[in-house]
Every structure is written in structure tokens, then in C-alpha cells.
Protein backbone atom coordinates (compact mmCIF):
# COMPACT_ATOMS: atom_id res chain seq x y z
CA MET A 1 0.00 0.06 -0.03
CA ARG A 2 1.46 3.36 -0.99
CA ARG A 3 1.94 6.02 1.54
CA ILE A 4 1.09 9.55 1.12
CA LEU A 5 1.96 12.59 3.43
CA ILE A 6 -0.74 15.60 3.32
CA ILE A 7 0.36 18.97 4.31
CA ASP A 8 -2.23 21.58 4.64
CA ASP A 9 -2.67 24.22 7.35
CA ASP A 10 -6.56 23.93 6.97
CA ARG A 11 -7.77 21.09 9.26
CA ASP A 12 -10.93 20.46 7.19
CA ILE A 13 -8.84 20.04 3.96
CA ARG A 14 -6.54 17.61 5.76
CA LEU A 15 -9.40 15.51 7.03
CA LEU A 16 -11.14 15.54 3.57
CA LEU A 17 -8.10 14.32 1.74
CA ASP A 18 -7.24 11.91 4.49
CA ARG A 19 -10.64 10.14 4.53
CA PHE A 20 -10.90 10.30 0.57
CA LEU A 21 -7.38 8.77 0.08
CA SER A 22 -7.83 6.06 2.79
CA LYS A 23 -10.92 4.99 1.11
CA LYS A 24 -8.99 4.60 -2.16
CA GLY A 25 -6.66 2.24 -0.42
CA PHE A 26 -3.58 4.56 0.46
CA VAL A 27 -1.93 4.78 3.93
CA THR A 28 -1.94 8.52 4.83
CA GLU A 29 -0.35 10.70 7.28
CA THR A 30 -1.21 14.44 7.79
CA ALA A 31 0.73 17.62 8.89
CA GLY A 32 -0.53 21.17 9.40
CA SER A 33 3.02 22.93 8.86
CA ARG A 34 6.14 22.61 6.96
CA SER A 35 8.08 21.89 10.27
CA SER A 36 5.80 19.06 11.35
CA ALA A 37 5.87 17.71 7.70
CA LEU A 38 9.69 17.42 7.67
CA ALA A 39 9.64 15.75 11.16
CA LYS A 40 7.46 13.09 9.75
CA ILE A 41 9.45 12.69 6.56
CA LYS A 42 12.66 12.11 8.71
CA GLU A 43 10.94 9.38 10.70
CA GLN A 44 8.92 7.56 7.92
CA SER A 45 9.15 7.01 4.26
CA PHE A 46 6.52 8.18 1.87
CA ASP A 47 5.67 7.47 -1.86
CA LEU A 48 4.11 10.93 -2.39
CA VAL A 49 3.74 14.17 -0.80
CA ILE A 50 0.56 16.48 -1.33
CA THR A 51 1.16 19.91 -0.12
CA ASP A 52 -0.76 23.25 -0.03
CA TYR A 53 1.28 26.08 -1.56
CA LYS A 54 0.91 28.41 1.44
CA LEU A 55 1.87 27.01 4.77
CA PRO A 56 2.21 28.96 8.08
CA ASP A 57 6.07 28.40 8.21
CA GLY A 58 7.00 28.37 4.56
CA ASP A 59 5.33 27.29 1.21
CA GLY A 60 5.12 24.23 -0.86
CA LEU A 61 7.93 25.25 -3.17
CA THR A 62 10.49 25.03 -0.20
CA ILE A 63 9.26 21.59 0.76
CA SER A 64 10.82 20.08 -2.47
CA ALA A 65 14.34 21.59 -1.96
CA GLU A 66 14.26 20.55 1.72
CA LEU A 67 13.30 16.94 0.53
CA ARG A 68 16.25 16.82 -1.71
CA LYS A 69 18.53 17.89 1.06
CA LEU A 70 17.27 14.94 3.07
CA GLY A 71 17.90 12.67 0.08
CA ALA A 72 14.20 11.83 -0.26
CA GLY A 73 13.24 11.68 -3.97
CA VAL A 74 9.50 11.75 -3.44
CA PRO A 75 7.13 13.24 -5.97
CA ILE A 76 5.29 16.35 -4.95
CA ILE A 77 1.91 17.55 -5.92
CA MET A 78 1.27 21.06 -4.92
CA ILE A 79 -2.30 22.49 -4.15
CA THR A 80 -2.76 26.08 -4.94
CA ALA A 81 -5.67 28.58 -5.12
CA TYR A 82 -4.05 30.31 -8.14
CA SER A 83 -3.63 28.93 -11.64
CA ASP A 84 -1.25 30.57 -13.89
CA VAL A 85 1.77 29.81 -16.28
CA LYS A 86 4.46 31.59 -14.06
CA MET A 87 3.41 29.35 -11.17
CA ALA A 88 3.57 26.16 -13.23
CA VAL A 89 7.05 26.94 -14.42
CA LYS A 90 8.36 27.92 -11.02
CA ALA A 91 6.94 24.78 -9.49
CA VAL A 92 8.50 22.40 -12.22
CA LYS A 93 11.63 24.26 -11.83
CA ARG A 94 11.58 23.63 -8.13
CA GLY A 95 11.03 19.88 -8.60
CA ILE A 96 7.30 19.85 -8.23
CA PHE A 97 5.70 16.96 -10.22
CA ASP A 98 2.44 18.83 -10.85
CA TYR A 99 0.05 21.21 -9.30
CA ILE A 100 -3.71 21.29 -9.03
CA THR A 101 -5.86 24.22 -8.10
CA LYS A 102 -8.69 24.65 -5.63
CA PRO A 103 -11.60 23.67 -5.49
CA LEU A 104 -10.27 20.16 -5.63
CA HIS A 105 -11.99 17.66 -7.87
CA PRO A 106 -11.51 14.04 -6.80
CA ASP A 107 -11.07 12.71 -10.51
CA GLU A 108 -8.44 15.24 -11.12
CA LEU A 109 -6.61 14.53 -7.87
CA LEU A 110 -6.65 10.84 -8.39
CA GLU A 111 -5.46 11.08 -12.16
CA THR A 112 -2.52 13.42 -10.84
CA ILE A 113 -1.52 10.96 -8.13
CA ASP A 114 -1.59 8.24 -10.74
CA ARG A 115 0.76 9.98 -13.00
CA ALA A 116 3.00 10.74 -10.08
CA LEU A 117 3.21 7.30 -8.87
CA ASN A 118 3.67 5.73 -12.25
CA THR A 119 6.58 8.11 -12.78
CA THR A 120 8.27 6.44 -9.93
CA GLY A 121 7.22 2.89 -10.87
CA SER A 122 4.47 2.71 -8.24
CA GLU A 123 1.29 0.83 -8.66
CA SER A 124 -1.63 2.56 -10.68
CA VAL A 125 -4.46 4.12 -8.86
CA ASP A 126 -8.03 2.80 -9.91
CA THR A 127 -9.62 6.09 -11.22
CA VAL A 128 -12.86 4.43 -12.30
CA THR A 129 -14.04 2.29 -9.51
CA ILE A 130 -16.53 3.93 -7.27
CA GLU A 131 -17.23 2.27 -4.06
CA GLU A 132 -21.00 1.80 -3.22
CA PRO A 133 -21.89 3.63 0.07
CA LYS A 134 -22.26 1.07 2.91
CA THR A 135 -26.02 0.82 3.66
CA GLU A 136 -25.33 0.11 7.42
CA ASN A 137 -23.91 3.78 7.74
CA LYS A 138 -27.15 5.23 6.42
CA SER A 139 -28.43 7.61 8.84
CA ASN A 140 -31.32 9.50 7.29
CA SER A 141 -34.40 7.04 6.48
CA ASP A 142 -35.60 9.71 4.05
CA TYR A 143 -32.60 9.85 1.83
CA VAL A 144 -32.68 7.44 -0.97
CA VAL A 145 -29.28 6.27 -2.29
CA GLY A 146 -29.57 5.56 -6.01
CA LYS A 147 -27.59 3.16 -7.93
CA SER A 148 -26.39 5.31 -10.92
CA LYS A 149 -22.94 6.34 -11.25
CA ALA A 150 -24.11 10.10 -10.50
CA ALA A 151 -25.93 9.07 -7.50
CA LEU A 152 -23.15 7.04 -6.03
CA LYS A 153 -20.65 9.76 -6.65
CA ALA A 154 -22.88 12.20 -4.82
CA MET A 155 -23.23 9.93 -1.89
CA GLU A 156 -19.38 9.48 -1.87
CA GLN A 157 -18.99 13.15 -1.62
CA ILE A 158 -21.59 13.42 1.11
CA GLU A 159 -19.61 10.93 3.20
CA LEU A 160 -16.37 12.84 2.60
CA ILE A 161 -17.79 16.29 3.39
CA ALA A 162 -19.96 15.35 6.44
CA PRO A 163 -17.15 14.88 9.33
CA THR A 164 -15.80 18.27 8.45
CA ASP A 165 -16.99 21.81 9.35
CA MET A 166 -16.57 23.13 5.89
CA SER A 167 -19.52 25.35 4.25
CA VAL A 168 -21.22 23.24 1.54
CA VAL A 169 -22.85 24.52 -1.88
CA LEU A 170 -25.46 22.21 -3.13
CA LEU A 171 -26.36 22.63 -6.86
CA GLY A 172 -29.45 21.17 -8.41
CA GLU A 173 -32.76 21.72 -10.18
CA THR A 174 -35.82 22.35 -8.07
CA GLY A 175 -36.92 18.90 -6.73
CA SER A 176 -33.73 17.29 -7.16
CA GLY A 177 -33.33 16.66 -3.53
CA LYS A 178 -30.83 19.38 -2.16
CA GLU A 179 -32.51 19.37 1.31
CA PHE A 180 -32.42 15.91 1.60
CA ALA A 181 -28.67 15.80 0.88
CA ALA A 182 -28.16 18.73 3.40
CA LYS A 183 -30.16 16.50 5.96
CA GLU A 184 -27.85 13.67 5.32
CA ILE A 185 -24.85 15.56 5.59
CA HIS A 186 -26.11 16.73 9.07
CA ALA A 187 -27.01 13.15 10.17
CA ARG A 188 -23.44 11.91 9.27
CA SER A 189 -21.77 14.83 10.93
CA LYS A 190 -20.36 15.41 14.53
CA ARG A 191 -23.13 17.96 14.79
CA LYS A 192 -25.98 15.38 14.31
CA ASP A 193 -27.23 15.84 17.74
CA GLY A 194 -27.63 19.65 17.21
CA PRO A 195 -30.63 21.09 15.41
CA PHE A 196 -31.09 21.25 11.66
CA VAL A 197 -32.70 24.52 10.69
CA ALA A 198 -33.93 24.70 6.98
CA ILE A 199 -34.70 28.40 5.72
CA ASP A 200 -36.42 29.08 2.37
CA CYS A 201 -34.86 32.50 1.62
CA GLY A 202 -37.08 33.08 -1.35
CA ALA A 203 -40.14 33.12 0.97
CA LEU A 204 -38.52 35.56 3.54
CA PRO A 205 -39.94 39.25 3.01
CA ASP A 206 -37.11 41.64 2.44
CA GLU A 207 -37.91 43.81 5.42
CA ILE A 208 -37.76 40.90 7.83
CA ALA A 209 -35.12 38.84 6.34
CA GLY A 210 -32.09 40.26 8.25
CA SER A 211 -33.84 39.80 11.55
CA GLU A 212 -34.84 36.18 10.72
CA LEU A 213 -31.55 35.18 9.58
CA PHE A 214 -29.25 37.15 12.14
CA GLY A 215 -31.64 38.27 14.86
CA HIS A 216 -31.89 41.80 16.49
CA VAL A 217 -31.86 43.47 19.86
CA LYS A 218 -34.74 45.34 21.56
CA GLY A 219 -34.97 48.87 20.01
CA ALA A 220 -32.75 48.02 17.01
CA PHE A 221 -35.62 49.47 14.74
CA THR A 222 -39.16 50.57 15.06
CA GLY A 223 -41.32 47.69 16.15
CA ALA A 224 -38.37 45.73 17.87
CA LEU A 225 -39.97 45.27 21.16
CA ARG A 226 -37.81 42.63 22.37
CA ASP A 227 -34.65 40.62 21.64
CA LYS A 228 -34.95 38.00 18.86
CA ILE A 229 -32.55 35.08 18.13
CA GLY A 230 -31.92 34.64 14.47
CA SER A 231 -31.77 31.32 12.47
CA PHE A 232 -28.14 31.11 12.79
CA GLU A 233 -28.05 31.10 16.47
CA HIS A 234 -30.93 28.53 16.50
CA ALA A 235 -28.66 26.22 14.44
CA ASP A 236 -25.84 26.76 16.82
CA ARG A 237 -23.85 23.34 17.18
CA GLY A 238 -25.88 22.04 14.39
CA THR A 239 -26.49 22.85 10.70
CA ILE A 240 -28.30 25.46 8.78
CA PHE A 241 -29.67 24.85 5.19
CA LEU A 242 -30.28 28.17 3.25
CA ASP A 243 -32.47 27.55 0.20
CA GLU A 244 -32.63 29.79 -2.74
CA ILE A 245 -29.99 32.34 -1.19
CA GLY A 246 -29.79 34.16 -4.63
CA ASN A 247 -33.22 35.78 -3.71
CA LEU A 248 -31.88 37.46 -0.82
CA LYS A 249 -31.24 41.37 -1.16
CA LEU A 250 -27.46 42.11 -1.71
CA GLU A 251 -27.03 43.72 1.74
CA HIS A 252 -28.33 40.34 3.46
CA GLN A 253 -25.88 38.41 0.96
CA VAL A 254 -23.06 40.61 2.09
CA LYS A 255 -23.80 39.90 5.81
CA LEU A 256 -24.09 36.39 4.90
CA LEU A 257 -20.77 36.34 3.22
CA ARG A 258 -19.04 37.98 6.21
CA LEU A 259 -20.65 35.24 8.59
CA LEU A 260 -19.34 32.59 6.29
CA GLN A 261 -15.77 34.26 6.23
CA GLU A 262 -15.54 34.76 10.03
CA SER A 263 -17.86 32.02 11.41
CA LYS A 264 -19.45 34.33 13.89
CA ILE A 265 -22.21 36.81 14.25
CA LYS A 266 -21.61 40.29 15.21
């Protein structure tokens, strides 16, 4: 079994990659910084390193040079939020095997890992087989797991994202089951004992949408006779599902963006 070291200062990204690659048959180790990664490399051998470009104490490009100093000829795949020719040329010159951009796509990641390991004579990665979800782990009786390739892939993504605290965007036509998918993510998460709050943003009148979502204090505006807890506070330690967020007024979307970025309500 091939050993992969995952380096990223984002805990959720580490957990996501760790779970995904473990399910694909790899032995994984994770590190949150350049220094902790080098410590693991000195203690263990790896067949591949996946590292974020920006790290708290360095960057992905310096990892390659330090590995060469240690005599470890391990292929490196770099994750970056930027895609440009200068970055690609610079990465290759520094000995990076290849780079992939965020957001990460499972198929692209596996294909890049496959090429990296094959370059060093390692075993090929199965990029086609999709494991069928284990029915005994099903936690939401309302969620129907289909048998098609698309349905199984959706279920695989739900299983991967559920243990993290990452915000999730669910895309689909009306009636495709976005709320059922949200409930399944909640039911499989560490927040499953907390509340699941579903809000239809399209049904919220503009004048009260802010109060419904974020709450208000007594006297904040005319008619605010008492403090009101918003939907986000109701969902504390649980999950909130916002349907049709595109129907919110721009000012509320700005507040929502700030909340998602800072993970707190002011």
C-alpha cells in the first residue's frame, strides 16, 4: 500500500483528503505545517507528498528543496488557489511534479496521483471504480441512495464532507433533493445531535429577512419590542440549510458572506 503525506494548515482540507485517499486504499499521514511535515519525513518513508502552496512556516515550493537535501526523492503534488503559467513554470523548476488548483476535484486529484506514482514505478490508482456506500452507515431514512454512477458519486461526496465543518454549496434543479442531501450531511456529521434548521430565503420578506437570519436586539428598529434570536443562533452546534440564497437582497448576502468568512455573528 502506497504511503501519502498530506500537508495543509486547513484542518478540514487535511481531514477531507485523509478520508478520501484512505478510502481509495492509501496509507495517509497528515501535517499542518512545513516543520511538522519534515519531522514526519525524517521518521517515515512516503511514496508521495501532497502539499498546500501556502503554509504557516513556509510554502510548498520550499518543501521540494528540503526533501532533496534529506535525500528523499519523493514526487510532490502542490495545491494552490491560483492557476497561472508563471506558477507552473516555477513549480516545475523547483522539482514539483505537478500542481492542482482549488476547489479540488476527486477525479483530477486521483489522475494526478496516478501519474506521479507511475513516474516512480509505483502501482496505478484505480480512477474508475466508485465504491458503493455502505448501507449500514445510512443515517437518514428519508434519503434514498440511487444506483447510478452520478448518485453513488453524490453519496461519496456526502460521506467525505460530512465529518468536516466546511460550508457546502449544493447545486441542483428544483425538486432534485438538495434539502435531503443537506439533512444527510447533517445526520452523518459530528453535529448530528444539534438542530437542523432549514430556511427558504425566497419566502422571506425583504424587510424581515435580516432579523430572521441574524436576529436583533430590543430597540434596534421601530417595532423591535424584544430581543430576537436569528436562525443562525438557533442552528448553533447544528446545521443550517439556506435554500434559494440568490433571492436575498444584496445587503443580506453581504452579511451572509461575512458570517461564512468569520464564522461568527456580530
